[in-house]
């Protein structure tokens, strides 16, 4: 079974567009976050690892060196020769536009880097940054704005100390898409107090505004976080893998075919992961999602086949009946 049989994956979308494999290379540009430096708040989100994300403890290599390291790994694994620079760590639009231009240009100077994927918060995308992304897109680069919404419920966002609400996401999305910038929205499943119904509603609110891509991620508990304290006190219970898989499949089935899925799960390194342990088993989760999609597709096909057979029998009965 192949996940791409049932889901419009980013890899398959890029293969169709460029005629060859295109992979993202994750980059740490050394930026920070307004929810950590005191602009909006301090400490960041309750699920954010304060130690691993401490700016004082981060000394990222030069962007070109990070791309080369990623390139070596990906070429051995898949043979891909084209890449998208994925500015992932922290808030990658949270700097003066001149500094951002310098960082993005450094990545794009690599001849095999064909685009940018910019991970950021919905409240950190000013007009001059959006105009910069439009300029790159007009030059022919593949450009994605990766917005971390996590949930469409303001009460949940407040609980996890996000520092923004759904209104900021709406404004950022509408401004980006009005400029023709592709938006990928990140949703976390299993946030405190949320259920399958919350996940569905968040997806529906995102789809109603319009979106080009989606990322799903299970909430995992890592060391050095407020969430870890809640988990230890028994105030938070993570999703089981079965619950997560069923919810992801439900959301996939509710998503239009043209929306591209950039990610269906996420992992944490074993040295910081506390719970749930299945979050360290990426391929097991993806295989389970694929299996469930295949099972449901087979069930739907079986129902459709039975309906067709019933319709044929009814039609035959109608034809056989001659009124007098």
C-alpha atoms as a PDB file:
ATOM      1  CA  UNK A   1       0.000   0.000   0.000  1.00  0.00           C
ATOM      2  CA  UNK A   2       1.154   3.499  -0.859  1.00  0.00           C
ATOM      3  CA  UNK A   3      -0.055   6.548   1.065  1.00  0.00           C
ATOM      4  CA  UNK A   4      -0.077   8.591  -2.152  1.00  0.00           C
ATOM      5  CA  UNK A   5      -2.863   6.324  -3.477  1.00  0.00           C
ATOM      6  CA  UNK A   6      -5.200   7.921  -0.942  1.00  0.00           C
ATOM      7  CA  UNK A   7      -3.635  11.297  -0.102  1.00  0.00           C
ATOM      8  CA  UNK A   8      -2.368  14.213  -2.181  1.00  0.00           C
ATOM      9  CA  UNK A   9       1.109  14.215  -0.626  1.00  0.00           C
ATOM     10  CA  UNK A  10       3.649  17.004  -0.952  1.00  0.00           C
ATOM     11  CA  UNK A  11       6.183  14.619  -2.460  1.00  0.00           C
ATOM     12  CA  UNK A  12       3.829  13.466  -5.189  1.00  0.00           C
ATOM     13  CA  UNK A  13       2.676  17.025  -5.881  1.00  0.00           C
ATOM     14  CA  UNK A  14       6.278  18.164  -6.367  1.00  0.00           C
ATOM     15  CA  UNK A  15       7.053  15.123  -8.519  1.00  0.00           C
ATOM     16  CA  UNK A  16       4.114  15.987 -10.779  1.00  0.00           C
ATOM     17  CA  UNK A  17       5.108  19.646 -10.953  1.00  0.00           C
ATOM     18  CA  UNK A  18       8.856  19.275 -11.504  1.00  0.00           C
ATOM     19  CA  UNK A  19       9.151  15.812 -12.995  1.00  0.00           C
ATOM     20  CA  UNK A  20      11.534  14.631 -10.286  1.00  0.00           C
ATOM     21  CA  UNK A  21      11.780  14.229  -6.525  1.00  0.00           C
ATOM     22  CA  UNK A  22      11.919  17.427  -4.502  1.00  0.00           C
ATOM     23  CA  UNK A  23      12.688  17.312  -0.769  1.00  0.00           C
ATOM     24  CA  UNK A  24      12.600  19.869   2.008  1.00  0.00           C
ATOM     25  CA  UNK A  25      15.754  20.583   3.974  1.00  0.00           C
ATOM     26  CA  UNK A  26      15.062  21.912   7.468  1.00  0.00           C
ATOM     27  CA  UNK A  27      16.962  25.075   8.398  1.00  0.00           C
ATOM     28  CA  UNK A  28      17.541  26.824  11.708  1.00  0.00           C
ATOM     29  CA  UNK A  29      18.150  30.495  10.885  1.00  0.00           C
ATOM     30  CA  UNK A  30      18.854  31.431  14.506  1.00  0.00           C
ATOM     31  CA  UNK A  31      15.677  33.483  14.861  1.00  0.00           C
ATOM     32  CA  UNK A  32      13.524  33.708  17.974  1.00  0.00           C
ATOM     33  CA  UNK A  33       9.816  34.112  18.784  1.00  0.00           C
ATOM     34  CA  UNK A  34       7.738  37.047  20.106  1.00  0.00           C
ATOM     35  CA  UNK A  35       6.123  34.641  22.554  1.00  0.00           C
ATOM     36  CA  UNK A  36       9.515  34.024  24.156  1.00  0.00           C
ATOM     37  CA  UNK A  37      11.406  37.320  24.001  1.00  0.00           C
ATOM     38  CA  UNK A  38       8.783  39.317  25.905  1.00  0.00           C
ATOM     39  CA  UNK A  39       7.129  41.039  22.930  1.00  0.00           C
ATOM     40  CA  UNK A  40       3.990  38.959  23.397  1.00  0.00           C
ATOM     41  CA  UNK A  41       4.992  36.737  26.292  1.00  0.00           C
ATOM     42  CA  UNK A  42       7.767  34.678  27.835  1.00  0.00           C
ATOM     43  CA  UNK A  43       8.237  30.945  28.062  1.00  0.00           C
ATOM     44  CA  UNK A  44       6.548  30.177  24.761  1.00  0.00           C
ATOM     45  CA  UNK A  45       3.790  27.629  24.264  1.00  0.00           C
ATOM     46  CA  UNK A  46       3.159  25.127  27.038  1.00  0.00           C
ATOM     47  CA  UNK A  47       4.318  22.294  24.757  1.00  0.00           C
ATOM     48  CA  UNK A  48       7.526  24.046  23.646  1.00  0.00           C
ATOM     49  CA  UNK A  49      10.794  22.673  25.038  1.00  0.00           C
ATOM     50  CA  UNK A  50      12.500  25.605  26.737  1.00  0.00           C
ATOM     51  CA  UNK A  51      15.896  23.926  26.862  1.00  0.00           C
ATOM     52  CA  UNK A  52      16.160  22.660  23.306  1.00  0.00           C
ATOM     53  CA  UNK A  53      14.807  25.930  21.946  1.00  0.00           C
ATOM     54  CA  UNK A  54      16.919  28.265  24.093  1.00  0.00           C
ATOM     55  CA  UNK A  55      18.507  30.906  21.807  1.00  0.00           C
ATOM     56  CA  UNK A  56      21.575  30.964  24.058  1.00  0.00           C
ATOM     57  CA  UNK A  57      22.057  27.263  23.500  1.00  0.00           C
ATOM     58  CA  UNK A  58      21.633  27.403  19.730  1.00  0.00           C
ATOM     59  CA  UNK A  59      24.572  27.980  17.472  1.00  0.00           C
ATOM     60  CA  UNK A  60      23.228  26.941  14.078  1.00  0.00           C
ATOM     61  CA  UNK A  61      25.674  26.389  11.269  1.00  0.00           C
ATOM     62  CA  UNK A  62      25.714  28.609   8.226  1.00  0.00           C
ATOM     63  CA  UNK A  63      22.669  28.048   6.047  1.00  0.00           C
ATOM     64  CA  UNK A  64      24.796  26.718   3.194  1.00  0.00           C
ATOM     65  CA  UNK A  65      26.350  24.169   5.574  1.00  0.00           C
ATOM     66  CA  UNK A  66      22.923  23.080   6.828  1.00  0.00           C
ATOM     67  CA  UNK A  67      21.753  22.605   3.255  1.00  0.00           C
ATOM     68  CA  UNK A  68      24.833  20.564   2.412  1.00  0.00           C
ATOM     69  CA  UNK A  69      24.292  18.322   5.438  1.00  0.00           C
ATOM     70  CA  UNK A  70      20.652  17.779   4.501  1.00  0.00           C
ATOM     71  CA  UNK A  71      21.574  17.241   0.875  1.00  0.00           C
ATOM     72  CA  UNK A  72      23.991  14.439   1.750  1.00  0.00           C
ATOM     73  CA  UNK A  73      21.390  12.588   3.828  1.00  0.00           C
ATOM     74  CA  UNK A  74      18.567  12.963   1.295  1.00  0.00           C
ATOM     75  CA  UNK A  75      20.668  11.958  -1.718  1.00  0.00           C
ATOM     76  CA  UNK A  76      21.670   8.724  -0.014  1.00  0.00           C
ATOM     77  CA  UNK A  77      18.102   7.982   0.988  1.00  0.00           C
ATOM     78  CA  UNK A  78      16.120   8.927  -2.124  1.00  0.00           C
ATOM     79  CA  UNK A  79      18.487  10.276  -4.751  1.00  0.00           C
ATOM     80  CA  UNK A  80      16.637  13.603  -4.897  1.00  0.00           C
ATOM     81  CA  UNK A  81      18.592  16.433  -6.510  1.00  0.00           C
ATOM     82  CA  UNK A  82      16.240  19.390  -5.957  1.00  0.00           C
ATOM     83  CA  UNK A  83      15.378  20.909  -2.609  1.00  0.00           C
ATOM     84  CA  UNK A  84      13.203  23.418  -0.844  1.00  0.00           C
ATOM     85  CA  UNK A  85      14.765  25.367   2.014  1.00  0.00           C
ATOM     86  CA  UNK A  86      12.403  24.814   4.949  1.00  0.00           C
ATOM     87  CA  UNK A  87      12.949  27.567   7.507  1.00  0.00           C
ATOM     88  CA  UNK A  88      11.524  25.591  10.402  1.00  0.00           C
ATOM     89  CA  UNK A  89      12.886  26.550  13.830  1.00  0.00           C
ATOM     90  CA  UNK A  90      11.058  29.315  15.680  1.00  0.00           C
ATOM     91  CA  UNK A  91       9.360  32.211  13.845  1.00  0.00           C
ATOM     92  CA  UNK A  92      10.991  32.709  10.467  1.00  0.00           C
ATOM     93  CA  UNK A  93       9.367  36.012   9.563  1.00  0.00           C
ATOM     94  CA  UNK A  94      10.201  37.594  12.928  1.00  0.00           C
ATOM     95  CA  UNK A  95      13.005  39.938  11.871  1.00  0.00           C
ATOM     96  CA  UNK A  96      13.572  43.037   9.798  1.00  0.00           C
ATOM     97  CA  UNK A  97      12.730  42.361   6.181  1.00  0.00           C
ATOM     98  CA  UNK A  98      16.310  43.169   5.144  1.00  0.00           C
ATOM     99  CA  UNK A  99      17.623  40.467   7.477  1.00  0.00           C
ATOM    100  CA  UNK A 100      15.041  38.007   6.201  1.00  0.00           C
ATOM    101  CA  UNK A 101      16.029  38.810   2.618  1.00  0.00           C
ATOM    102  CA  UNK A 102      19.647  38.061   3.482  1.00  0.00           C
ATOM    103  CA  UNK A 103      18.720  34.718   5.052  1.00  0.00           C
ATOM    104  CA  UNK A 104      16.365  33.616   2.276  1.00  0.00           C
ATOM    105  CA  UNK A 105      18.815  34.717  -0.426  1.00  0.00           C
ATOM    106  CA  UNK A 106      21.573  32.691   1.207  1.00  0.00           C
ATOM    107  CA  UNK A 107      19.464  29.563   0.841  1.00  0.00           C
ATOM    108  CA  UNK A 108      18.431  30.342  -2.718  1.00  0.00           C
ATOM    109  CA  UNK A 109      22.018  30.874  -3.815  1.00  0.00           C
ATOM    110  CA  UNK A 110      22.404  27.113  -3.693  1.00  0.00           C
ATOM    111  CA  UNK A 111      21.801  26.048  -7.322  1.00  0.00           C
ATOM    112  CA  UNK A 112      19.726  22.985  -6.403  1.00  0.00           C
ATOM    113  CA  UNK A 113      17.409  24.901  -4.016  1.00  0.00           C
ATOM    114  CA  UNK A 114      14.288  25.740  -5.987  1.00  0.00           C
ATOM    115  CA  UNK A 115      12.158  27.360  -3.324  1.00  0.00           C
ATOM    116  CA  UNK A 116      11.293  28.330   0.225  1.00  0.00           C
ATOM    117  CA  UNK A 117       8.955  27.007   2.901  1.00  0.00           C
ATOM    118  CA  UNK A 118       8.699  29.636   5.640  1.00  0.00           C
ATOM    119  CA  UNK A 119       7.424  28.431   9.013  1.00  0.00           C
ATOM    120  CA  UNK A 120       5.953  31.191  11.148  1.00  0.00           C
ATOM    121  CA  UNK A 121       3.163  32.407  13.436  1.00  0.00           C
ATOM    122  CA  UNK A 122      -0.030  33.978  12.061  1.00  0.00           C
ATOM    123  CA  UNK A 123       0.671  37.196  13.963  1.00  0.00           C
ATOM    124  CA  UNK A 124       4.131  37.686  12.407  1.00  0.00           C
ATOM    125  CA  UNK A 125       3.488  38.167   8.695  1.00  0.00           C
ATOM    126  CA  UNK A 126       3.553  41.898   7.939  1.00  0.00           C
ATOM    127  CA  UNK A 127       2.898  43.244   4.467  1.00  0.00           C
ATOM    128  CA  UNK A 128       6.562  43.836   3.616  1.00  0.00           C
ATOM    129  CA  UNK A 129       7.367  40.174   4.315  1.00  0.00           C
ATOM    130  CA  UNK A 130       4.428  39.007   2.202  1.00  0.00           C
ATOM    131  CA  UNK A 131       5.609  41.302  -0.606  1.00  0.00           C
ATOM    132  CA  UNK A 132       9.081  39.767  -0.345  1.00  0.00           C
ATOM    133  CA  UNK A 133       7.616  36.262  -0.732  1.00  0.00           C
ATOM    134  CA  UNK A 134       5.600  37.422  -3.724  1.00  0.00           C
ATOM    135  CA  UNK A 135       8.821  38.696  -5.299  1.00  0.00           C
ATOM    136  CA  UNK A 136      10.485  35.309  -4.881  1.00  0.00           C
ATOM    137  CA  UNK A 137       7.433  33.598  -6.332  1.00  0.00           C
ATOM    138  CA  UNK A 138       7.457  35.912  -9.347  1.00  0.00           C
ATOM    139  CA  UNK A 139      11.096  34.960  -9.921  1.00  0.00           C
ATOM    140  CA  UNK A 140       9.891  31.380 -10.399  1.00  0.00           C
ATOM    141  CA  UNK A 141      10.684  29.924  -6.985  1.00  0.00           C
ATOM    142  CA  UNK A 142       8.378  27.488  -5.205  1.00  0.00           C
ATOM    143  CA  UNK A 143       7.137  29.456  -2.171  1.00  0.00           C
ATOM    144  CA  UNK A 144       5.037  28.298   0.771  1.00  0.00           C
ATOM    145  CA  UNK A 145       3.960  30.223   3.856  1.00  0.00           C
ATOM    146  CA  UNK A 146       3.682  27.682   6.669  1.00  0.00           C
ATOM    147  CA  UNK A 147       1.311  29.073   9.325  1.00  0.00           C
ATOM    148  CA  UNK A 148       1.199  27.451  12.762  1.00  0.00           C
ATOM    149  CA  UNK A 149      -2.440  27.767  13.787  1.00  0.00           C
ATOM    150  CA  UNK A 150      -2.611  24.551  15.899  1.00  0.00           C
ATOM    151  CA  UNK A 151      -6.317  25.056  16.773  1.00  0.00           C
ATOM    152  CA  UNK A 152      -9.173  27.267  15.610  1.00  0.00           C
ATOM    153  CA  UNK A 153     -10.439  27.580  19.190  1.00  0.00           C
ATOM    154  CA  UNK A 154      -9.280  30.683  21.031  1.00  0.00           C
ATOM    155  CA  UNK A 155      -9.842  29.046  24.428  1.00  0.00           C
ATOM    156  CA  UNK A 156      -7.418  26.256  23.479  1.00  0.00           C
ATOM    157  CA  UNK A 157      -4.852  28.705  22.110  1.00  0.00           C
ATOM    158  CA  UNK A 158      -5.038  30.677  25.350  1.00  0.00           C
ATOM    159  CA  UNK A 159      -4.644  27.505  27.420  1.00  0.00           C
ATOM    160  CA  UNK A 160      -1.441  26.535  25.625  1.00  0.00           C
ATOM    161  CA  UNK A 161      -0.158  30.128  25.721  1.00  0.00           C
ATOM    162  CA  UNK A 162       0.048  30.624  21.969  1.00  0.00           C
ATOM    163  CA  UNK A 163      -0.256  34.403  22.239  1.00  0.00           C
ATOM    164  CA  UNK A 164      -2.602  34.732  19.238  1.00  0.00           C
ATOM    165  CA  UNK A 165      -6.129  33.774  18.286  1.00  0.00           C
ATOM    166  CA  UNK A 166      -7.981  32.622  15.195  1.00  0.00           C
ATOM    167  CA  UNK A 167      -8.523  36.244  14.069  1.00  0.00           C
ATOM    168  CA  UNK A 168      -4.788  36.699  13.447  1.00  0.00           C
ATOM    169  CA  UNK A 169      -4.707  33.497  11.428  1.00  0.00           C
ATOM    170  CA  UNK A 170      -7.675  34.635   9.343  1.00  0.00           C
ATOM    171  CA  UNK A 171      -6.071  37.994   8.573  1.00  0.00           C
ATOM    172  CA  UNK A 172      -2.711  36.473   7.643  1.00  0.00           C
ATOM    173  CA  UNK A 173      -4.270  33.785   5.455  1.00  0.00           C
ATOM    174  CA  UNK A 174      -6.511  36.157   3.533  1.00  0.00           C
ATOM    175  CA  UNK A 175      -3.659  38.619   2.933  1.00  0.00           C
ATOM    176  CA  UNK A 176      -1.280  35.885   1.780  1.00  0.00           C
ATOM    177  CA  UNK A 177      -3.733  34.158  -0.535  1.00  0.00           C
ATOM    178  CA  UNK A 178      -4.907  37.485  -2.018  1.00  0.00           C
ATOM    179  CA  UNK A 179      -1.293  37.927  -3.144  1.00  0.00           C
ATOM    180  CA  UNK A 180      -1.180  34.436  -4.620  1.00  0.00           C
ATOM    181  CA  UNK A 181       1.074  33.004  -1.903  1.00  0.00           C
ATOM    182  CA  UNK A 182       0.439  29.348  -1.139  1.00  0.00           C
ATOM    183  CA  UNK A 183      -0.526  28.755   2.503  1.00  0.00           C
ATOM    184  CA  UNK A 184       0.092  25.531   4.436  1.00  0.00           C
ATOM    185  CA  UNK A 185      -1.675  25.373   7.801  1.00  0.00           C
ATOM    186  CA  UNK A 186      -0.345  23.407  10.754  1.00  0.00           C
ATOM    187  CA  UNK A 187      -2.888  21.807  13.107  1.00  0.00           C
ATOM    188  CA  UNK A 188      -2.043  19.891  16.288  1.00  0.00           C
ATOM    189  CA  UNK A 189      -4.329  17.019  17.282  1.00  0.00           C
ATOM    190  CA  UNK A 190      -4.784  16.135  20.935  1.00  0.00           C
ATOM    191  CA  UNK A 191      -4.440  19.591  22.499  1.00  0.00           C
ATOM    192  CA  UNK A 192      -5.718  19.811  26.109  1.00  0.00           C
ATOM    193  CA  UNK A 193      -9.501  19.729  26.296  1.00  0.00           C
ATOM    194  CA  UNK A 194      -9.976  19.007  22.591  1.00  0.00           C
ATOM    195  CA  UNK A 195     -11.791  16.070  20.993  1.00  0.00           C
ATOM    196  CA  UNK A 196     -12.462  14.742  17.520  1.00  0.00           C
ATOM    197  CA  UNK A 197     -15.228  17.335  17.166  1.00  0.00           C
ATOM    198  CA  UNK A 198     -12.735  20.126  17.880  1.00  0.00           C
ATOM    199  CA  UNK A 199     -10.351  18.726  15.268  1.00  0.00           C
ATOM    200  CA  UNK A 200     -13.117  18.606  12.665  1.00  0.00           C
ATOM    201  CA  UNK A 201     -14.271  22.143  13.435  1.00  0.00           C
ATOM    202  CA  UNK A 202     -10.708  23.495  13.228  1.00  0.00           C
ATOM    203  CA  UNK A 203     -10.279  21.844   9.843  1.00  0.00           C
ATOM    204  CA  UNK A 204     -13.608  23.186   8.579  1.00  0.00           C
ATOM    205  CA  UNK A 205     -12.753  26.740   9.645  1.00  0.00           C
ATOM    206  CA  UNK A 206      -9.403  26.470   7.864  1.00  0.00           C
ATOM    207  CA  UNK A 207     -10.992  25.065   4.705  1.00  0.00           C
ATOM    208  CA  UNK A 208     -13.667  27.763   4.723  1.00  0.00           C
ATOM    209  CA  UNK A 209     -10.981  30.458   4.505  1.00  0.00           C
ATOM    210  CA  UNK A 210      -9.098  28.584   1.807  1.00  0.00           C
ATOM    211  CA  UNK A 211      -5.819  26.737   2.152  1.00  0.00           C
ATOM    212  CA  UNK A 212      -3.345  25.095  -0.216  1.00  0.00           C
ATOM    213  CA  UNK A 213      -1.648  22.683   2.165  1.00  0.00           C
ATOM    214  CA  UNK A 214      -2.113  21.041   5.551  1.00  0.00           C
ATOM    215  CA  UNK A 215       0.102  19.589   8.268  1.00  0.00           C
ATOM    216  CA  UNK A 216      -1.170  17.389  11.080  1.00  0.00           C
ATOM    217  CA  UNK A 217       0.870  16.694  14.169  1.00  0.00           C
ATOM    218  CA  UNK A 218       0.101  14.783  17.381  1.00  0.00           C
ATOM    219  CA  UNK A 219       0.692  16.696  20.585  1.00  0.00           C
ATOM    220  CA  UNK A 220       3.540  14.987  22.376  1.00  0.00           C
ATOM    221  CA  UNK A 221       4.890  15.668  25.847  1.00  0.00           C
ATOM    222  CA  UNK A 222       8.573  16.565  25.981  1.00  0.00           C
ATOM    223  CA  UNK A 223      10.907  17.375  28.824  1.00  0.00           C
ATOM    224  CA  UNK A 224      11.275  20.937  30.021  1.00  0.00           C
ATOM    225  CA  UNK A 225       7.728  22.048  29.234  1.00  0.00           C
ATOM    226  CA  UNK A 226       4.678  23.229  31.136  1.00  0.00           C
ATOM    227  CA  UNK A 227       2.755  20.467  29.388  1.00  0.00           C
ATOM    228  CA  UNK A 228       5.120  17.929  30.962  1.00  0.00           C
ATOM    229  CA  UNK A 229       4.173  19.255  34.394  1.00  0.00           C
ATOM    230  CA  UNK A 230       0.467  18.950  33.556  1.00  0.00           C
ATOM    231  CA  UNK A 231       1.037  15.393  32.323  1.00  0.00           C
ATOM    232  CA  UNK A 232       2.898  14.404  35.496  1.00  0.00           C
ATOM    233  CA  UNK A 233       0.043  15.769  37.616  1.00  0.00           C
ATOM    234  CA  UNK A 234      -2.439  13.723  35.597  1.00  0.00           C
ATOM    235  CA  UNK A 235      -4.039  16.853  34.127  1.00  0.00           C
ATOM    236  CA  UNK A 236      -3.274  15.904  30.530  1.00  0.00           C
ATOM    237  CA  UNK A 237      -3.699  12.565  28.774  1.00  0.00           C
ATOM    238  CA  UNK A 238      -2.224  12.230  25.251  1.00  0.00           C
ATOM    239  CA  UNK A 239      -4.108  10.590  22.405  1.00  0.00           C
ATOM    240  CA  UNK A 240      -3.546   6.904  21.786  1.00  0.00           C
ATOM    241  CA  UNK A 241      -2.135   6.013  18.386  1.00  0.00           C
ATOM    242  CA  UNK A 242      -5.458   4.496  17.322  1.00  0.00           C
ATOM    243  CA  UNK A 243      -7.293   7.686  18.283  1.00  0.00           C
ATOM    244  CA  UNK A 244      -4.809   9.795  16.366  1.00  0.00           C
ATOM    245  CA  UNK A 245      -4.931   7.588  13.262  1.00  0.00           C
ATOM    246  CA  UNK A 246      -8.738   7.590  13.151  1.00  0.00           C
ATOM    247  CA  UNK A 247      -8.891  11.369  13.567  1.00  0.00           C
ATOM    248  CA  UNK A 248      -6.297  11.978  10.853  1.00  0.00           C
ATOM    249  CA  UNK A 249      -8.194   9.718   8.455  1.00  0.00           C
ATOM    250  CA  UNK A 250     -11.435  11.518   9.311  1.00  0.00           C
ATOM    251  CA  UNK A 251      -9.826  14.863   8.502  1.00  0.00           C
ATOM    252  CA  UNK A 252      -8.273  13.562   5.285  1.00  0.00           C
ATOM    253  CA  UNK A 253     -11.674  12.332   4.129  1.00  0.00           C
ATOM    254  CA  UNK A 254     -13.139  15.788   4.772  1.00  0.00           C
ATOM    255  CA  UNK A 255     -10.429  17.613   2.816  1.00  0.00           C
ATOM    256  CA  UNK A 256     -10.782  18.510  -0.892  1.00  0.00           C
ATOM    257  CA  UNK A 257      -8.529  16.491  -3.178  1.00  0.00           C
ATOM    258  CA  UNK A 258      -6.577  19.538  -4.387  1.00  0.00           C
ATOM    259  CA  UNK A 259      -5.237  20.360  -0.916  1.00  0.00           C
ATOM    260  CA  UNK A 260      -1.675  19.079  -0.486  1.00  0.00           C
ATOM    261  CA  UNK A 261      -0.716  17.255   2.702  1.00  0.00           C
ATOM    262  CA  UNK A 262       2.793  18.257   3.777  1.00  0.00           C
ATOM    263  CA  UNK A 263       2.765  16.097   6.906  1.00  0.00           C
ATOM    264  CA  UNK A 264       0.468  13.603   8.621  1.00  0.00           C
ATOM    265  CA  UNK A 265       2.425  12.990  11.810  1.00  0.00           C
ATOM    266  CA  UNK A 266       5.429  14.236  13.723  1.00  0.00           C
ATOM    267  CA  UNK A 267       8.065  12.842  16.061  1.00  0.00           C
ATOM    268  CA  UNK A 268      10.190  13.997  18.959  1.00  0.00           C
ATOM    269  CA  UNK A 269      13.714  12.817  19.677  1.00  0.00           C
ATOM    270  CA  UNK A 270      13.921   9.990  22.201  1.00  0.00           C
ATOM    271  CA  UNK A 271      16.103  11.979  24.595  1.00  0.00           C
ATOM    272  CA  UNK A 272      13.310  14.502  25.261  1.00  0.00           C
ATOM    273  CA  UNK A 273      10.084  12.557  24.545  1.00  0.00           C
ATOM    274  CA  UNK A 274       8.039  11.646  27.620  1.00  0.00           C
ATOM    275  CA  UNK A 275       4.707  10.623  26.103  1.00  0.00           C
ATOM    276  CA  UNK A 276       3.131   9.100  24.143  1.00  0.00           C
ATOM    277  CA  UNK A 277       5.857   6.671  23.150  1.00  0.00           C
ATOM    278  CA  UNK A 278       4.236   5.947  19.780  1.00  0.00           C
ATOM    279  CA  UNK A 279       5.292   9.453  18.715  1.00  0.00           C
ATOM    280  CA  UNK A 280       8.782   8.029  18.210  1.00  0.00           C
ATOM    281  CA  UNK A 281       7.465   5.561  15.590  1.00  0.00           C
ATOM    282  CA  UNK A 282       6.827   7.714  12.530  1.00  0.00           C
ATOM    283  CA  UNK A 283       6.575   4.942   9.971  1.00  0.00           C
ATOM    284  CA  UNK A 284       4.331   2.814  12.142  1.00  0.00           C
ATOM    285  CA  UNK A 285       1.930   5.743  12.401  1.00  0.00           C
ATOM    286  CA  UNK A 286       2.054   6.466   8.659  1.00  0.00           C
ATOM    287  CA  UNK A 287       1.551   2.793   7.820  1.00  0.00           C
ATOM    288  CA  UNK A 288      -1.451   2.657  10.156  1.00  0.00           C
ATOM    289  CA  UNK A 289      -2.949   5.750   8.501  1.00  0.00           C
ATOM    290  CA  UNK A 290      -2.450   4.169   5.083  1.00  0.00           C
ATOM    291  CA  UNK A 291      -4.010   0.885   6.236  1.00  0.00           C
ATOM    292  CA  UNK A 292      -7.057   2.677   7.638  1.00  0.00           C
ATOM    293  CA  UNK A 293      -7.495   4.742   4.469  1.00  0.00           C
ATOM    294  CA  UNK A 294      -7.286   1.569   2.380  1.00  0.00           C
ATOM    295  CA  UNK A 295      -9.797  -0.215   4.602  1.00  0.00           C
ATOM    296  CA  UNK A 296     -12.274   2.646   4.418  1.00  0.00           C
ATOM    297  CA  UNK A 297     -11.798   3.003   0.655  1.00  0.00           C
ATOM    298  CA  UNK A 298     -12.482  -0.714   0.212  1.00  0.00           C
ATOM    299  CA  UNK A 299     -15.591  -0.428   2.391  1.00  0.00           C
ATOM    300  CA  UNK A 300     -16.915   2.521   0.367  1.00  0.00           C
ATOM    301  CA  UNK A 301     -16.227   0.665  -2.880  1.00  0.00           C
ATOM    302  CA  UNK A 302     -18.063  -2.380  -1.520  1.00  0.00           C
ATOM    303  CA  UNK A 303     -21.090  -0.264  -0.569  1.00  0.00           C
ATOM    304  CA  UNK A 304     -21.089   1.414  -3.988  1.00  0.00           C
ATOM    305  CA  UNK A 305     -20.901  -1.978  -5.676  1.00  0.00           C
ATOM    306  CA  UNK A 306     -23.865  -3.247  -3.645  1.00  0.00           C
ATOM    307  CA  UNK A 307     -25.840  -0.110  -4.501  1.00  0.00           C
ATOM    308  CA  UNK A 308     -25.130  -0.602  -8.204  1.00  0.00           C
ATOM    309  CA  UNK A 309     -26.236  -4.242  -7.959  1.00  0.00           C
ATOM    310  CA  UNK A 310     -29.417  -3.235  -6.149  1.00  0.00           C
ATOM    311  CA  UNK A 311     -30.109  -0.554  -8.748  1.00  0.00           C
ATOM    312  CA  UNK A 312     -29.670  -3.099 -11.544  1.00  0.00           C
ATOM    313  CA  UNK A 313     -32.146  -5.445  -9.851  1.00  0.00           C
ATOM    314  CA  UNK A 314     -34.666  -2.635  -9.366  1.00  0.00           C
ATOM    315  CA  UNK A 315     -34.241  -1.548 -12.983  1.00  0.00           C
ATOM    316  CA  UNK A 316     -34.760  -5.138 -14.154  1.00  0.00           C
ATOM    317  CA  UNK A 317     -37.878  -5.388 -12.020  1.00  0.00           C
ATOM    318  CA  UNK A 318     -39.222  -2.125 -13.459  1.00  0.00           C
ATOM    319  CA  UNK A 319     -38.592  -3.286 -17.005  1.00  0.00           C
ATOM    320  CA  UNK A 320     -40.302  -6.611 -16.308  1.00  0.00           C
ATOM    321  CA  UNK A 321     -43.414  -4.904 -14.964  1.00  0.00           C
ATOM    322  CA  UNK A 322     -45.888  -3.997 -17.698  1.00  0.00           C
ATOM    323  CA  UNK A 323     -48.896  -1.998 -16.462  1.00  0.00           C
ATOM    324  CA  UNK A 324     -52.367  -2.998 -17.720  1.00  0.00           C
END
